[in-house]
Amino acid sequence: MKVLDATLGTRLPLRILLVEDHPANQKMIQFMLSKFGYEVHIVSNGQSAVEAVQSRPYDLVLMDLQMPGMDGQETSRCIRRLDNHIQQPRIVAMTGNSSMSDREACFGAGMDDFLSKPARPDELKLILERSTVALEEGPLTCGPDVIAVRQADPQANLTIDDKILSVYVAEFHTTLQDLRQAKERGDLAAFRKKAHYLKGGSQMIGATGVVALCQEIEAASDLTITALDDKLAALQEALQEVLRSAKTLPRSDGTARNARASGG
């Protein structure tokens, strides 16, 4: 099965808005959509999304659920409250949590479908195809039987694009600085929140070691200053491992990679 079909955007045209606050996730989704022949408008927060749908029509909104300020569910409610004052788009939740209760909450907020994070090309293609059918034929009921299932098809995998890797590394360093500042303030809630943010971008590029560390930070109930120092050191080492691993992967054009991103 051919997953990365560059003619899809011509055959199934969609005007797409991506609402996502993490720069690496933005680049990855944009990269995948480009491989399907789509252009995408990107905003980084809920308020900008509400303004965007009022300024021009969109067929599909890919909506991150966890964003600072107005989250994905509240943003969707605001868009639906605009009613027929705008062309109502199809809204797809992008989330790493897809339990039945999560789905019901998103449906209640006016969302139509789900895309698991980290997004994969095969799943994104299904979303694009389902959205086109739904827009042509009317509302589509999205239950557990039509939620995208992760496939083992090796063609569904993407190599890491150099620009995406560079954005991820830069954002990693910024987040590490935020984590250090939260530690200095003794603000454990902020530390966990930043770890969750870092986890999102790391999931998107497949940095499983970083993801595991961030999950440990989020789940820990007894974090101490010493423990925070240990976690920061472990995250720095995990970044170096990401860079070492990246050197072994081909670029998106199939050529060998000489990793240029610096771990600092």
Protein backbone atom coordinates (compact mmCIF):
# COMPACT_ATOMS: atom_id res chain seq x y z
CA MET A 1 0.00 0.00 0.00
CA LYS A 2 1.36 3.40 -1.00
CA VAL A 3 1.17 5.64 2.06
CA LEU A 4 2.93 8.85 1.03
CA ASP A 5 0.79 9.84 -1.96
CA ALA A 6 1.75 13.30 -3.22
CA THR A 7 -1.38 13.43 -5.42
CA LEU A 8 -3.78 13.23 -2.47
CA GLY A 9 -3.98 16.99 -2.07
CA THR A 10 -4.99 17.38 -5.71
CA ARG A 11 -7.52 14.54 -5.67
CA LEU A 12 -8.96 15.40 -2.24
CA PRO A 13 -8.38 19.16 -1.77
CA LEU A 14 -8.69 20.47 1.78
CA ARG A 15 -7.98 23.83 3.36
CA ILE A 16 -6.19 22.88 6.57
CA LEU A 17 -5.47 24.74 9.80
CA LEU A 18 -3.00 23.25 12.30
CA VAL A 19 -3.34 24.38 15.92
CA GLU A 20 -0.22 23.22 17.77
CA ASP A 21 2.07 25.00 20.22
CA HIS A 22 5.23 22.87 19.92
CA PRO A 23 7.53 23.98 17.04
CA ALA A 24 8.86 20.46 16.36
CA ASN A 25 5.33 19.07 16.16
CA GLN A 26 4.37 21.91 13.82
CA LYS A 27 7.27 21.08 11.50
CA MET A 28 6.56 17.34 11.55
CA ILE A 29 2.86 17.67 10.73
CA GLN A 30 3.62 20.28 8.07
CA PHE A 31 6.25 17.96 6.58
CA MET A 32 3.86 15.01 6.46
CA LEU A 33 1.07 17.08 4.93
CA SER A 34 3.46 18.35 2.26
CA LYS A 35 4.22 14.74 1.33
CA PHE A 36 0.50 14.32 0.66
CA GLY A 37 0.43 17.48 -1.46
CA TYR A 38 -1.19 19.79 1.10
CA GLU A 39 -0.30 23.24 2.35
CA VAL A 40 -1.25 24.12 5.92
CA HIS A 41 -1.77 27.32 7.90
CA ILE A 42 -0.27 27.06 11.39
CA VAL A 43 -1.20 28.85 14.61
CA SER A 44 0.19 28.12 18.06
CA ASN A 45 -2.73 28.81 20.41
CA GLY A 46 -6.49 28.62 20.74
CA GLN A 47 -7.20 32.34 20.45
CA SER A 48 -5.30 32.53 17.17
CA ALA A 49 -7.25 29.52 15.93
CA VAL A 50 -10.60 31.20 16.65
CA GLU A 51 -9.40 34.32 14.85
CA ALA A 52 -8.11 32.27 11.91
CA VAL A 53 -11.41 30.49 11.21
CA GLN A 54 -13.16 33.87 11.22
CA SER A 55 -10.71 35.38 8.75
CA ARG A 56 -10.90 32.64 6.10
CA PRO A 57 -12.72 29.32 5.52
CA TYR A 58 -11.11 26.02 6.49
CA ASP A 59 -12.28 22.49 5.75
CA LEU A 60 -10.19 20.78 8.42
CA VAL A 61 -8.69 21.88 11.73
CA LEU A 62 -6.05 19.65 13.34
CA MET A 63 -6.34 20.63 17.01
CA ASP A 64 -3.81 19.90 19.73
CA LEU A 65 -5.63 19.31 23.02
CA GLN A 66 -3.09 20.55 25.55
CA MET A 67 -1.97 24.11 24.90
CA PRO A 68 -1.22 27.02 27.22
CA GLY A 69 -4.17 29.34 27.74
CA MET A 70 -7.23 28.06 25.90
CA ASP A 71 -6.92 24.30 25.39
CA GLY A 72 -8.15 22.34 22.38
CA GLN A 73 -11.58 21.51 23.78
CA GLU A 74 -12.36 25.09 24.78
CA THR A 75 -11.09 26.33 21.41
CA SER A 76 -13.41 23.88 19.66
CA ARG A 77 -16.36 25.10 21.73
CA CYS A 78 -15.56 28.68 20.75
CA ILE A 79 -15.44 27.72 17.07
CA ARG A 80 -18.74 25.86 17.29
CA ARG A 81 -20.36 28.82 19.07
CA LEU A 82 -19.62 30.90 15.97
CA ASP A 83 -22.32 28.73 14.35
CA ASN A 84 -23.21 29.78 10.80
CA HIS A 85 -21.24 33.02 11.03
CA ILE A 86 -18.33 31.01 9.60
CA GLN A 87 -17.94 27.93 7.44
CA GLN A 88 -17.81 25.32 10.16
CA PRO A 89 -14.73 23.10 9.70
CA ARG A 90 -14.23 19.49 10.63
CA ILE A 91 -12.17 19.45 13.86
CA VAL A 92 -9.78 16.59 14.60
CA ALA A 93 -8.29 16.23 18.07
CA MET A 94 -4.57 15.43 18.21
CA THR A 95 -3.83 13.66 21.47
CA GLY A 96 -1.66 11.03 23.09
CA ASN A 97 -4.64 9.99 25.24
CA SER A 98 -7.48 8.26 23.43
CA SER A 99 -9.54 6.63 26.18
CA MET A 100 -13.31 6.45 25.78
CA SER A 101 -13.79 9.23 28.35
CA ASP A 102 -11.32 11.45 26.47
CA ARG A 103 -13.17 10.85 23.20
CA GLU A 104 -16.55 11.55 24.77
CA ALA A 105 -15.25 14.83 26.22
CA CYS A 106 -13.93 15.87 22.80
CA PHE A 107 -17.18 14.93 21.06
CA GLY A 108 -19.01 17.00 23.67
CA ALA A 109 -16.80 19.97 22.78
CA GLY A 110 -17.80 19.69 19.11
CA MET A 111 -14.84 17.74 17.77
CA ASP A 112 -15.32 15.15 15.03
CA ASP A 113 -12.39 12.73 14.96
CA PHE A 114 -9.05 11.79 16.54
CA LEU A 115 -5.43 11.60 15.43
CA SER A 116 -3.07 9.86 17.82
CA LYS A 117 0.19 11.58 18.79
CA PRO A 118 2.83 11.02 17.68
CA ALA A 119 1.14 11.23 14.30
CA ARG A 120 2.03 8.69 11.64
CA PRO A 121 1.58 9.13 7.87
CA ASP A 122 -0.82 6.19 7.53
CA GLU A 123 -3.06 7.56 10.28
CA LEU A 124 -2.92 11.10 8.92
CA LYS A 125 -3.88 9.81 5.47
CA LEU A 126 -6.95 8.10 6.95
CA ILE A 127 -7.95 11.36 8.64
CA LEU A 128 -7.60 13.29 5.38
CA GLU A 129 -9.64 10.72 3.47
CA ARG A 130 -12.34 10.45 6.15
CA SER A 131 -12.59 14.22 6.40
CA THR A 132 -13.13 14.57 2.67
CA VAL A 133 -15.91 11.96 2.72
CA ALA A 134 -17.53 13.59 5.75
CA LEU A 135 -17.46 17.05 4.20
CA GLU A 136 -19.01 15.74 0.98
CA GLU A 137 -21.65 13.47 2.52
CA GLY A 138 -22.44 15.11 5.86
CA PRO A 139 -21.48 14.36 9.47
CA LEU A 140 -19.48 11.19 10.08
CA THR A 141 -19.94 9.26 13.31
CA CYS A 142 -16.51 8.58 14.73
CA GLY A 143 -16.55 5.79 17.27
CA PRO A 144 -13.94 3.28 18.41
CA ASP A 145 -14.44 1.22 15.24
CA VAL A 146 -13.14 4.04 13.01
CA ILE A 147 -10.34 5.35 15.20
CA ALA A 148 -7.06 5.08 13.29
CA VAL A 149 -5.12 1.95 14.23
CA ARG A 150 -1.34 1.95 14.21
CA GLN A 151 -0.08 -0.20 11.36
CA ALA A 152 3.14 -2.13 11.07
CA ASP A 153 3.61 -1.13 7.43
CA PRO A 154 7.26 0.02 7.15
CA GLN A 155 6.28 2.47 4.40
CA ALA A 156 4.34 4.38 7.04
CA ASN A 157 7.53 5.50 8.78
CA LEU A 158 9.22 8.83 8.06
CA THR A 159 12.88 9.61 8.44
CA ILE A 160 13.75 12.70 10.48
CA ASP A 161 14.05 15.83 8.37
CA ASP A 162 17.09 18.00 9.17
CA LYS A 163 14.96 21.11 9.74
CA ILE A 164 12.64 19.25 12.11
CA LEU A 165 15.61 17.88 14.05
CA SER A 166 17.15 21.36 14.32
CA VAL A 167 13.87 22.84 15.57
CA TYR A 168 13.49 20.02 18.08
CA VAL A 169 17.02 20.47 19.45
CA ALA A 170 16.61 24.24 19.75
CA GLU A 171 13.29 23.82 21.54
CA PHE A 172 14.82 21.13 23.76
CA HIS A 173 17.49 23.56 24.97
CA THR A 174 14.90 26.28 25.60
CA THR A 175 12.77 23.84 27.59
CA LEU A 176 15.78 22.65 29.58
CA GLN A 177 16.41 26.26 30.58
CA ASP A 178 12.76 26.60 31.61
CA LEU A 179 13.10 23.41 33.66
CA ARG A 180 16.21 24.74 35.39
CA GLN A 181 14.41 27.99 36.25
CA ALA A 182 11.43 26.06 37.63
CA LYS A 183 13.81 24.02 39.76
CA GLU A 184 15.50 27.15 41.11
CA ARG A 185 12.09 28.53 42.07
CA GLY A 186 11.12 25.23 43.63
CA ASP A 187 8.05 25.19 41.36
CA LEU A 188 7.35 21.49 40.91
CA ALA A 189 4.07 22.09 39.08
CA ALA A 190 5.84 24.19 36.44
CA PHE A 191 8.61 21.57 36.22
CA ARG A 192 6.04 18.84 35.48
CA LYS A 193 4.22 21.06 32.98
CA LYS A 194 7.41 21.73 31.04
CA ALA A 195 8.26 18.02 31.11
CA HIS A 196 4.86 17.32 29.55
CA TYR A 197 5.56 19.91 26.85
CA LEU A 198 8.94 18.33 26.09
CA LYS A 199 7.31 14.89 25.95
CA GLY A 200 4.96 16.04 23.19
CA GLY A 201 7.71 17.11 20.82
CA SER A 202 9.81 14.07 21.68
CA GLN A 203 6.96 11.69 20.88
CA MET A 204 6.62 13.25 17.46
CA ILE A 205 10.20 12.45 16.43
CA GLY A 206 10.36 9.10 18.23
CA ALA A 207 12.77 10.11 21.03
CA THR A 208 11.58 7.32 23.32
CA GLY A 209 14.26 7.84 25.96
CA VAL A 210 13.25 11.47 26.45
CA VAL A 211 9.58 10.50 26.50
CA ALA A 212 10.20 7.93 29.22
CA LEU A 213 12.06 10.44 31.38
CA CYS A 214 9.31 13.03 30.98
CA GLN A 215 6.69 10.46 31.92
CA GLU A 216 8.66 9.63 35.07
CA ILE A 217 8.75 13.31 36.00
CA GLU A 218 5.00 13.71 35.41
CA ALA A 219 4.17 10.61 37.46
CA ALA A 220 6.56 11.21 40.38
CA SER A 221 4.86 12.34 43.59
CA ASP A 222 8.00 12.84 45.68
CA LEU A 223 10.31 15.00 43.57
CA THR A 224 13.13 16.68 45.50
CA ILE A 225 15.67 19.27 44.37
CA THR A 226 18.32 16.54 44.17
CA ALA A 227 15.97 14.42 42.11
CA LEU A 228 15.32 17.35 39.76
CA ASP A 229 19.06 17.79 39.21
CA ASP A 230 19.30 14.09 38.36
CA LYS A 231 16.40 14.35 35.91
CA LEU A 232 17.95 17.38 34.21
CA ALA A 233 21.23 15.54 33.78
CA ALA A 234 19.40 12.50 32.43
CA LEU A 235 17.48 14.63 29.94
CA GLN A 236 20.70 16.23 28.70
CA GLU A 237 22.21 12.77 28.17
CA ALA A 238 19.02 11.60 26.45
CA LEU A 239 19.34 14.49 23.99
CA GLN A 240 22.88 13.38 23.16
CA GLU A 241 21.51 9.90 22.50
CA VAL A 242 18.91 11.37 20.14
CA LEU A 243 21.67 13.12 18.21
CA ARG A 244 23.81 9.97 18.08
CA SER A 245 20.85 7.97 16.81
CA ALA A 246 19.99 10.64 14.22
CA LYS A 247 23.42 10.24 12.63
CA THR A 248 22.50 6.65 11.67
CA LEU A 249 19.22 7.62 9.95
CA PRO A 250 18.91 8.68 6.30
CA ARG A 251 17.54 12.08 5.44
CA SER A 252 14.06 12.33 3.98
CA ASP A 253 15.61 12.33 0.48
CA GLY A 254 17.34 9.01 1.21
CA THR A 255 20.88 10.41 1.42
CA ALA A 256 23.25 9.79 4.32
CA ARG A 257 23.13 12.20 7.21
CA ASN A 258 25.95 14.11 8.86
CA ALA A 259 24.08 15.44 11.86
CA ARG A 260 24.66 19.16 12.08
CA ALA A 261 22.46 19.85 15.08
CA SER A 262 24.41 20.47 18.23
CA GLY A 263 23.55 19.12 21.63
CA GLY A 264 25.25 22.07 23.26
